Amino acid sequence: MPRKYPDSRSAPRLDEPRHGVARAISRRGWCSRSAAAELVRAGRVAVNGRAVRDPEHPTSPRDRIAVDGVEVAAAPTVWLMLNKPRGYVTTASDERGRDTVYALIDDPALPWLAPVGRLDQASEGLLLFTNDSAAAARLAAPESHVDKTYHVQVDRIPDEALLARLTDRATDGAAKTCRVLRAGEKNAWLEIVLDEGRNRQIRRLLGAHGVAVLRLVRVAIGGLALGDLPKARWRALDDADLALLK
């Protein structure tokens, strides 16, 4: 016999995406996925009126999800950009007690937002956040080939031969472009453009050629530039900003 559902909204359709309840809670902007999983295991989450304790319990967008009896409604899509300072880690919490980027966007009016890609603790500049996880995954994926532009201070004055090696596409992890912005007596600033999003790619690339990074600042993603946004400040993105990311 066909299964009966007490509420027509809970009846799955073949074309609906199915996600674990912890992920669904995060996607709806309530909290992080790991925090949602803890809520589920603690028995504080119900799906269509029935308590669940498995964070991977499948749900559809039409399912009613509640935490402590409060329905978790889908939040409006939000994108924002942060000018990340050095010293902050790109995570919601840190077991070593380090400052996290979430301390800089602590606004009760915002839904839960996830970072789009990462900047390591020593890196600075443009960092995106959103609650649109599907769009974020597409943007951050290496195969998307979205340009990411960095200004990098290095411990030497690069010559043309070094610049050529850094952009040799036969080398795994090479930069798309690299040029000298300005040079002093002992160090220089480079503009490096990547069209991949690998972990610590610039530091690894330069380190492979014996070059030390003194500072690393991401200044643009796609056509979206950091501009004059002050350090440690954030602003919401509008439709014109989002168009620059495509």
C-alpha atoms as a PDB file:
ATOM      1  CA  MET A   1       0.000   0.000   0.000  1.00  0.00           C
ATOM      2  CA  PRO A   2       1.227   3.532  -0.648  1.00  0.00           C
ATOM      3  CA  ARG A   3       2.553   5.350   2.392  1.00  0.00           C
ATOM      4  CA  LYS A   4       0.238   7.976   3.852  1.00  0.00           C
ATOM      5  CA  TYR A   5       1.474  11.320   5.120  1.00  0.00           C
ATOM      6  CA  PRO A   6      -0.373  13.362   7.762  1.00  0.00           C
ATOM      7  CA  ASP A   7       0.630  16.607   6.075  1.00  0.00           C
ATOM      8  CA  SER A   8       0.837  16.989   2.295  1.00  0.00           C
ATOM      9  CA  ARG A   9       3.901  19.196   2.717  1.00  0.00           C
ATOM     10  CA  SER A  10       5.830  16.186   4.070  1.00  0.00           C
ATOM     11  CA  ALA A  11       5.177  13.930   1.073  1.00  0.00           C
ATOM     12  CA  PRO A  12       8.454  13.734  -0.894  1.00  0.00           C
ATOM     13  CA  ARG A  13       8.590  14.404  -4.606  1.00  0.00           C
ATOM     14  CA  LEU A  14      11.087  12.799  -6.930  1.00  0.00           C
ATOM     15  CA  ASP A  15      12.450  16.172  -8.053  1.00  0.00           C
ATOM     16  CA  GLU A  16      13.037  17.521  -4.530  1.00  0.00           C
ATOM     17  CA  PRO A  17      16.564  17.630  -3.079  1.00  0.00           C
ATOM     18  CA  ARG A  18      17.002  15.560   0.081  1.00  0.00           C
ATOM     19  CA  HIS A  19      19.400  16.624   2.806  1.00  0.00           C
ATOM     20  CA  GLY A  20      20.217  15.401   6.282  1.00  0.00           C
ATOM     21  CA  VAL A  21      18.316  17.346   8.932  1.00  0.00           C
ATOM     22  CA  ALA A  22      21.478  18.928  10.383  1.00  0.00           C
ATOM     23  CA  ARG A  23      22.464  20.250   6.980  1.00  0.00           C
ATOM     24  CA  ALA A  24      18.898  21.442   6.370  1.00  0.00           C
ATOM     25  CA  ILE A  25      18.919  23.417   9.622  1.00  0.00           C
ATOM     26  CA  SER A  26      22.193  25.054   8.621  1.00  0.00           C
ATOM     27  CA  ARG A  27      20.908  25.835   5.129  1.00  0.00           C
ATOM     28  CA  ARG A  28      17.913  27.561   6.671  1.00  0.00           C
ATOM     29  CA  GLY A  29      20.238  29.911   8.534  1.00  0.00           C
ATOM     30  CA  TRP A  30      19.648  28.678  12.097  1.00  0.00           C
ATOM     31  CA  CYS A  31      23.201  27.666  13.071  1.00  0.00           C
ATOM     32  CA  SER A  32      26.239  25.823  11.741  1.00  0.00           C
ATOM     33  CA  ARG A  33      25.921  22.249  10.553  1.00  0.00           C
ATOM     34  CA  SER A  34      28.021  20.919  13.432  1.00  0.00           C
ATOM     35  CA  ALA A  35      25.952  22.838  15.986  1.00  0.00           C
ATOM     36  CA  ALA A  36      22.768  21.540  14.348  1.00  0.00           C
ATOM     37  CA  ALA A  37      24.055  17.974  14.609  1.00  0.00           C
ATOM     38  CA  GLU A  38      24.521  18.451  18.357  1.00  0.00           C
ATOM     39  CA  LEU A  39      20.951  19.751  18.658  1.00  0.00           C
ATOM     40  CA  VAL A  40      19.661  16.680  16.820  1.00  0.00           C
ATOM     41  CA  ARG A  41      21.628  14.239  18.969  1.00  0.00           C
ATOM     42  CA  ALA A  42      20.320  15.994  22.088  1.00  0.00           C
ATOM     43  CA  GLY A  43      16.750  15.284  21.006  1.00  0.00           C
ATOM     44  CA  ARG A  44      15.862  18.935  20.543  1.00  0.00           C
ATOM     45  CA  VAL A  45      14.857  18.652  16.863  1.00  0.00           C
ATOM     46  CA  ALA A  46      11.582  17.462  15.332  1.00  0.00           C
ATOM     47  CA  VAL A  47      10.740  16.864  11.688  1.00  0.00           C
ATOM     48  CA  ASN A  48       7.037  17.126  10.817  1.00  0.00           C
ATOM     49  CA  GLY A  49       6.216  16.883  14.521  1.00  0.00           C
ATOM     50  CA  ARG A  50       8.319  13.788  15.244  1.00  0.00           C
ATOM     51  CA  ALA A  51      11.567  13.910  17.207  1.00  0.00           C
ATOM     52  CA  VAL A  52      14.695  12.726  15.376  1.00  0.00           C
ATOM     53  CA  ARG A  53      18.143  11.967  16.747  1.00  0.00           C
ATOM     54  CA  ASP A  54      20.046  11.167  13.562  1.00  0.00           C
ATOM     55  CA  PRO A  55      21.722  14.253  12.015  1.00  0.00           C
ATOM     56  CA  GLU A  56      21.517  12.499   8.615  1.00  0.00           C
ATOM     57  CA  HIS A  57      17.753  11.932   8.843  1.00  0.00           C
ATOM     58  CA  PRO A  58      16.606  12.841   5.290  1.00  0.00           C
ATOM     59  CA  THR A  59      14.474  15.937   4.797  1.00  0.00           C
ATOM     60  CA  SER A  60      13.061  17.886   1.862  1.00  0.00           C
ATOM     61  CA  PRO A  61      12.599  21.673   1.570  1.00  0.00           C
ATOM     62  CA  ARG A  62       8.896  21.236   2.331  1.00  0.00           C
ATOM     63  CA  ASP A  63       9.430  19.431   5.653  1.00  0.00           C
ATOM     64  CA  ARG A  64       8.616  21.260   8.879  1.00  0.00           C
ATOM     65  CA  ILE A  65      11.693  21.330  11.105  1.00  0.00           C
ATOM     66  CA  ALA A  66      11.558  22.662  14.669  1.00  0.00           C
ATOM     67  CA  VAL A  67      14.178  23.217  17.363  1.00  0.00           C
ATOM     68  CA  ASP A  68      12.804  23.218  20.917  1.00  0.00           C
ATOM     69  CA  GLY A  69       9.343  23.656  19.413  1.00  0.00           C
ATOM     70  CA  VAL A  70      10.302  26.712  17.323  1.00  0.00           C
ATOM     71  CA  GLU A  71       9.948  26.212  13.577  1.00  0.00           C
ATOM     72  CA  VAL A  72      13.132  26.693  11.571  1.00  0.00           C
ATOM     73  CA  ALA A  73      11.980  28.732   8.603  1.00  0.00           C
ATOM     74  CA  ALA A  74      14.147  29.313   5.560  1.00  0.00           C
ATOM     75  CA  ALA A  75      15.958  32.637   5.903  1.00  0.00           C
ATOM     76  CA  PRO A  76      16.224  35.068   2.984  1.00  0.00           C
ATOM     77  CA  THR A  77      19.409  34.663   0.984  1.00  0.00           C
ATOM     78  CA  VAL A  78      22.170  36.849   2.390  1.00  0.00           C
ATOM     79  CA  TRP A  79      25.647  37.568   1.044  1.00  0.00           C
ATOM     80  CA  LEU A  80      28.215  39.772   2.707  1.00  0.00           C
ATOM     81  CA  MET A  81      31.868  40.634   2.351  1.00  0.00           C
ATOM     82  CA  LEU A  82      34.352  41.077   5.206  1.00  0.00           C
ATOM     83  CA  ASN A  83      37.762  42.707   5.192  1.00  0.00           C
ATOM     84  CA  LYS A  84      39.485  40.058   7.291  1.00  0.00           C
ATOM     85  CA  PRO A  85      42.453  41.203   9.403  1.00  0.00           C
ATOM     86  CA  ARG A  86      45.442  39.035  10.212  1.00  0.00           C
ATOM     87  CA  GLY A  87      45.162  36.847  13.288  1.00  0.00           C
ATOM     88  CA  TYR A  88      41.616  35.562  12.762  1.00  0.00           C
ATOM     89  CA  VAL A  89      40.809  31.985  11.769  1.00  0.00           C
ATOM     90  CA  THR A  90      38.039  31.167   9.298  1.00  0.00           C
ATOM     91  CA  THR A  91      35.938  28.905  11.494  1.00  0.00           C
ATOM     92  CA  ALA A  92      32.933  29.231  13.799  1.00  0.00           C
ATOM     93  CA  SER A  93      34.822  28.052  16.886  1.00  0.00           C
ATOM     94  CA  ASP A  94      38.416  27.167  17.622  1.00  0.00           C
ATOM     95  CA  GLU A  95      39.607  24.538  20.073  1.00  0.00           C
ATOM     96  CA  ARG A  96      42.773  26.565  20.681  1.00  0.00           C
ATOM     97  CA  GLY A  97      40.834  29.673  21.666  1.00  0.00           C
ATOM     98  CA  ARG A  98      41.970  31.792  18.719  1.00  0.00           C
ATOM     99  CA  ASP A  99      39.871  34.688  17.480  1.00  0.00           C
ATOM    100  CA  THR A 100      37.487  33.674  14.681  1.00  0.00           C
ATOM    101  CA  VAL A 101      36.019  35.714  11.841  1.00  0.00           C
ATOM    102  CA  TYR A 102      32.554  35.256  13.354  1.00  0.00           C
ATOM    103  CA  ALA A 103      33.484  37.695  16.103  1.00  0.00           C
ATOM    104  CA  LEU A 104      33.608  40.345  13.370  1.00  0.00           C
ATOM    105  CA  ILE A 105      30.124  39.652  11.948  1.00  0.00           C
ATOM    106  CA  ASP A 106      28.306  39.138  15.249  1.00  0.00           C
ATOM    107  CA  ASP A 107      24.981  40.710  14.350  1.00  0.00           C
ATOM    108  CA  PRO A 108      21.732  39.226  15.732  1.00  0.00           C
ATOM    109  CA  ALA A 109      19.885  40.359  12.608  1.00  0.00           C
ATOM    110  CA  LEU A 110      21.933  38.014  10.419  1.00  0.00           C
ATOM    111  CA  PRO A 111      21.043  34.357   9.812  1.00  0.00           C
ATOM    112  CA  TRP A 112      23.756  31.731  10.120  1.00  0.00           C
ATOM    113  CA  LEU A 113      26.284  32.384   7.333  1.00  0.00           C
ATOM    114  CA  ALA A 114      29.078  30.145   6.122  1.00  0.00           C
ATOM    115  CA  PRO A 115      32.361  31.398   4.651  1.00  0.00           C
ATOM    116  CA  VAL A 116      32.835  30.953   0.909  1.00  0.00           C
ATOM    117  CA  GLY A 117      36.288  29.435   0.827  1.00  0.00           C
ATOM    118  CA  ARG A 118      38.822  30.438   3.448  1.00  0.00           C
ATOM    119  CA  LEU A 119      41.698  32.706   4.313  1.00  0.00           C
ATOM    120  CA  ASP A 120      44.265  31.297   6.711  1.00  0.00           C
ATOM    121  CA  GLN A 121      45.087  32.983  10.010  1.00  0.00           C
ATOM    122  CA  ALA A 122      47.975  35.041   8.631  1.00  0.00           C
ATOM    123  CA  SER A 123      46.122  36.162   5.488  1.00  0.00           C
ATOM    124  CA  GLU A 124      43.970  39.267   5.078  1.00  0.00           C
ATOM    125  CA  GLY A 125      41.382  40.780   2.822  1.00  0.00           C
ATOM    126  CA  LEU A 126      38.188  39.838   1.022  1.00  0.00           C
ATOM    127  CA  LEU A 127      36.214  37.000   2.575  1.00  0.00           C
ATOM    128  CA  LEU A 128      32.645  36.199   1.506  1.00  0.00           C
ATOM    129  CA  PHE A 129      29.841  34.730   3.621  1.00  0.00           C
ATOM    130  CA  THR A 130      26.410  33.445   2.595  1.00  0.00           C
ATOM    131  CA  ASN A 131      23.583  31.125   3.581  1.00  0.00           C
ATOM    132  CA  ASP A 132      23.218  29.994  -0.047  1.00  0.00           C
ATOM    133  CA  SER A 133      25.331  26.859   0.279  1.00  0.00           C
ATOM    134  CA  ALA A 134      24.782  25.638  -3.288  1.00  0.00           C
ATOM    135  CA  ALA A 135      25.934  28.918  -4.848  1.00  0.00           C
ATOM    136  CA  ALA A 136      28.840  29.094  -2.402  1.00  0.00           C
ATOM    137  CA  ALA A 137      30.016  25.615  -3.351  1.00  0.00           C
ATOM    138  CA  ARG A 138      29.922  26.479  -7.048  1.00  0.00           C
ATOM    139  CA  LEU A 139      31.879  29.680  -6.486  1.00  0.00           C
ATOM    140  CA  ALA A 140      34.526  28.084  -4.283  1.00  0.00           C
ATOM    141  CA  ALA A 141      35.047  24.944  -6.390  1.00  0.00           C
ATOM    142  CA  PRO A 142      38.455  24.831  -8.145  1.00  0.00           C
ATOM    143  CA  GLU A 143      36.792  23.820 -11.393  1.00  0.00           C
ATOM    144  CA  SER A 144      34.739  27.039 -11.426  1.00  0.00           C
ATOM    145  CA  HIS A 145      37.915  28.952 -12.403  1.00  0.00           C
ATOM    146  CA  VAL A 146      36.731  32.182 -10.790  1.00  0.00           C
ATOM    147  CA  ASP A 147      39.678  34.592 -10.650  1.00  0.00           C
ATOM    148  CA  LYS A 148      40.915  35.521  -7.190  1.00  0.00           C
ATOM    149  CA  THR A 149      43.326  38.434  -6.989  1.00  0.00           C
ATOM    150  CA  TYR A 150      45.922  38.817  -4.233  1.00  0.00           C
ATOM    151  CA  HIS A 151      48.499  41.433  -3.315  1.00  0.00           C
ATOM    152  CA  VAL A 152      51.476  39.630  -1.820  1.00  0.00           C
ATOM    153  CA  GLN A 153      54.542  41.108  -0.152  1.00  0.00           C
ATOM    154  CA  VAL A 154      57.581  38.873  -0.641  1.00  0.00           C
ATOM    155  CA  ASP A 155      61.090  38.880   0.814  1.00  0.00           C
ATOM    156  CA  ARG A 156      62.964  39.696  -2.407  1.00  0.00           C
ATOM    157  CA  ILE A 157      62.856  41.576  -5.691  1.00  0.00           C
ATOM    158  CA  PRO A 158      61.580  39.040  -8.251  1.00  0.00           C
ATOM    159  CA  ASP A 159      63.208  38.940 -11.664  1.00  0.00           C
ATOM    160  CA  GLU A 160      61.473  38.037 -14.913  1.00  0.00           C
ATOM    161  CA  ALA A 161      62.684  34.446 -14.688  1.00  0.00           C
ATOM    162  CA  LEU A 162      60.991  33.954 -11.317  1.00  0.00           C
ATOM    163  CA  LEU A 163      57.744  35.523 -12.551  1.00  0.00           C
ATOM    164  CA  ALA A 164      57.799  33.159 -15.524  1.00  0.00           C
ATOM    165  CA  ARG A 165      58.257  30.126 -13.268  1.00  0.00           C
ATOM    166  CA  LEU A 166      55.375  31.202 -11.017  1.00  0.00           C
ATOM    167  CA  THR A 167      53.046  31.335 -14.019  1.00  0.00           C
ATOM    168  CA  ASP A 168      54.309  28.231 -15.827  1.00  0.00           C
ATOM    169  CA  ARG A 169      51.011  26.407 -16.390  1.00  0.00           C
ATOM    170  CA  ALA A 170      52.880  23.157 -16.837  1.00  0.00           C
ATOM    171  CA  THR A 171      53.540  23.365 -13.081  1.00  0.00           C
ATOM    172  CA  ASP A 172      50.785  22.131 -10.792  1.00  0.00           C
ATOM    173  CA  GLY A 173      49.284  25.010  -8.818  1.00  0.00           C
ATOM    174  CA  ALA A 174      50.855  27.781 -10.924  1.00  0.00           C
ATOM    175  CA  ALA A 175      49.365  31.274 -10.903  1.00  0.00           C
ATOM    176  CA  LYS A 176      47.261  32.526 -13.798  1.00  0.00           C
ATOM    177  CA  THR A 177      49.174  35.837 -13.808  1.00  0.00           C
ATOM    178  CA  CYS A 178      51.851  37.440 -11.675  1.00  0.00           C
ATOM    179  CA  ARG A 179      53.324  40.928 -11.891  1.00  0.00           C
ATOM    180  CA  VAL A 180      55.320  43.297  -9.709  1.00  0.00           C
ATOM    181  CA  LEU A 181      53.217  46.097  -8.244  1.00  0.00           C
ATOM    182  CA  ARG A 182      56.059  47.943  -6.532  1.00  0.00           C
ATOM    183  CA  ALA A 183      59.505  47.162  -5.201  1.00  0.00           C
ATOM    184  CA  GLY A 184      61.757  48.517  -2.487  1.00  0.00           C
ATOM    185  CA  GLU A 185      65.360  47.750  -1.692  1.00  0.00           C
ATOM    186  CA  LYS A 186      64.804  44.315  -0.153  1.00  0.00           C
ATOM    187  CA  ASN A 187      61.221  43.238  -0.855  1.00  0.00           C
ATOM    188  CA  ALA A 188      58.403  43.730  -3.307  1.00  0.00           C
ATOM    189  CA  TRP A 189      54.631  43.561  -3.671  1.00  0.00           C
ATOM    190  CA  LEU A 190      53.248  41.217  -6.317  1.00  0.00           C
ATOM    191  CA  GLU A 191      49.770  40.975  -7.802  1.00  0.00           C
ATOM    192  CA  ILE A 192      48.958  37.288  -8.184  1.00  0.00           C
ATOM    193  CA  VAL A 193      45.774  36.022  -9.829  1.00  0.00           C
ATOM    194  CA  LEU A 194      44.631  32.447  -9.240  1.00  0.00           C
ATOM    195  CA  ASP A 195      41.830  30.690 -11.077  1.00  0.00           C
ATOM    196  CA  GLU A 196      41.767  27.810  -8.611  1.00  0.00           C
ATOM    197  CA  GLY A 197      40.969  27.753  -4.904  1.00  0.00           C
ATOM    198  CA  ARG A 198      43.463  25.369  -3.331  1.00  0.00           C
ATOM    199  CA  ASN A 199      44.438  25.521   0.331  1.00  0.00           C
ATOM    200  CA  ARG A 200      47.440  27.844   0.938  1.00  0.00           C
ATOM    201  CA  GLN A 201      48.156  27.745  -2.796  1.00  0.00           C
ATOM    202  CA  ILE A 202      50.146  31.000  -2.987  1.00  0.00           C
ATOM    203  CA  ARG A 203      52.286  30.212   0.048  1.00  0.00           C
ATOM    204  CA  ARG A 204      53.027  26.749  -1.324  1.00  0.00           C
ATOM    205  CA  LEU A 205      53.766  28.070  -4.803  1.00  0.00           C
ATOM    206  CA  LEU A 206      56.158  30.762  -3.607  1.00  0.00           C
ATOM    207  CA  GLY A 207      57.713  28.473  -1.013  1.00  0.00           C
ATOM    208  CA  ALA A 208      58.542  25.951  -3.729  1.00  0.00           C
ATOM    209  CA  HIS A 209      60.739  28.649  -5.297  1.00  0.00           C
ATOM    210  CA  GLY A 210      62.348  29.672  -2.003  1.00  0.00           C
ATOM    211  CA  VAL A 211      60.279  32.866  -1.658  1.00  0.00           C
ATOM    212  CA  ALA A 212      58.845  33.816   1.734  1.00  0.00           C
ATOM    213  CA  VAL A 213      55.496  35.583   2.060  1.00  0.00           C
ATOM    214  CA  LEU A 214      55.535  38.619   4.353  1.00  0.00           C
ATOM    215  CA  ARG A 215      51.911  39.662   3.822  1.00  0.00           C
ATOM    216  CA  LEU A 216      49.064  38.262   1.759  1.00  0.00           C
ATOM    217  CA  VAL A 217      45.888  40.242   1.032  1.00  0.00           C
ATOM    218  CA  ARG A 218      43.019  39.055  -1.159  1.00  0.00           C
ATOM    219  CA  VAL A 219      41.710  42.130  -2.970  1.00  0.00           C
ATOM    220  CA  ALA A 220      39.134  40.711  -5.413  1.00  0.00           C
ATOM    221  CA  ILE A 221      37.024  37.669  -6.271  1.00  0.00           C
ATOM    222  CA  GLY A 222      35.874  37.705  -9.867  1.00  0.00           C
ATOM    223  CA  GLY A 223      34.972  41.314 -10.562  1.00  0.00           C
ATOM    224  CA  LEU A 224      34.095  42.049  -6.923  1.00  0.00           C
ATOM    225  CA  ALA A 225      36.844  44.175  -5.364  1.00  0.00           C
ATOM    226  CA  LEU A 226      37.536  44.778  -1.687  1.00  0.00           C
ATOM    227  CA  GLY A 227      37.695  48.489  -2.436  1.00  0.00           C
ATOM    228  CA  ASP A 228      37.846  50.867   0.515  1.00  0.00           C
ATOM    229  CA  LEU A 229      36.029  48.627   3.003  1.00  0.00           C
ATOM    230  CA  PRO A 230      37.837  49.219   6.317  1.00  0.00           C
ATOM    231  CA  LYS A 231      39.703  46.374   7.970  1.00  0.00           C
ATOM    232  CA  ALA A 232      37.565  44.228  10.299  1.00  0.00           C
ATOM    233  CA  ARG A 233      34.354  45.674   8.812  1.00  0.00           C
ATOM    234  CA  TRP A 234      31.710  44.015   6.647  1.00  0.00           C
ATOM    235  CA  ARG A 235      28.926  45.051   4.318  1.00  0.00           C
ATOM    236  CA  ALA A 236      26.025  43.268   2.645  1.00  0.00           C
ATOM    237  CA  LEU A 237      26.206  42.562  -1.082  1.00  0.00           C
ATOM    238  CA  ASP A 238      23.511  43.755  -3.462  1.00  0.00           C
ATOM    239  CA  ASP A 239      22.486  42.402  -6.867  1.00  0.00           C
ATOM    240  CA  ALA A 240      25.119  44.474  -8.641  1.00  0.00           C
ATOM    241  CA  ASP A 241      27.831  43.002  -6.391  1.00  0.00           C
ATOM    242  CA  LEU A 242      26.601  39.458  -6.976  1.00  0.00           C
ATOM    243  CA  ALA A 243      26.643  40.012 -10.733  1.00  0.00           C
ATOM    244  CA  LEU A 244      30.365  40.761 -10.448  1.00  0.00           C
ATOM    245  CA  LEU A 245      30.947  37.320  -8.915  1.00  0.00           C
ATOM    246  CA  LYS A 246      29.542  35.500 -11.936  1.00  0.00           C
END
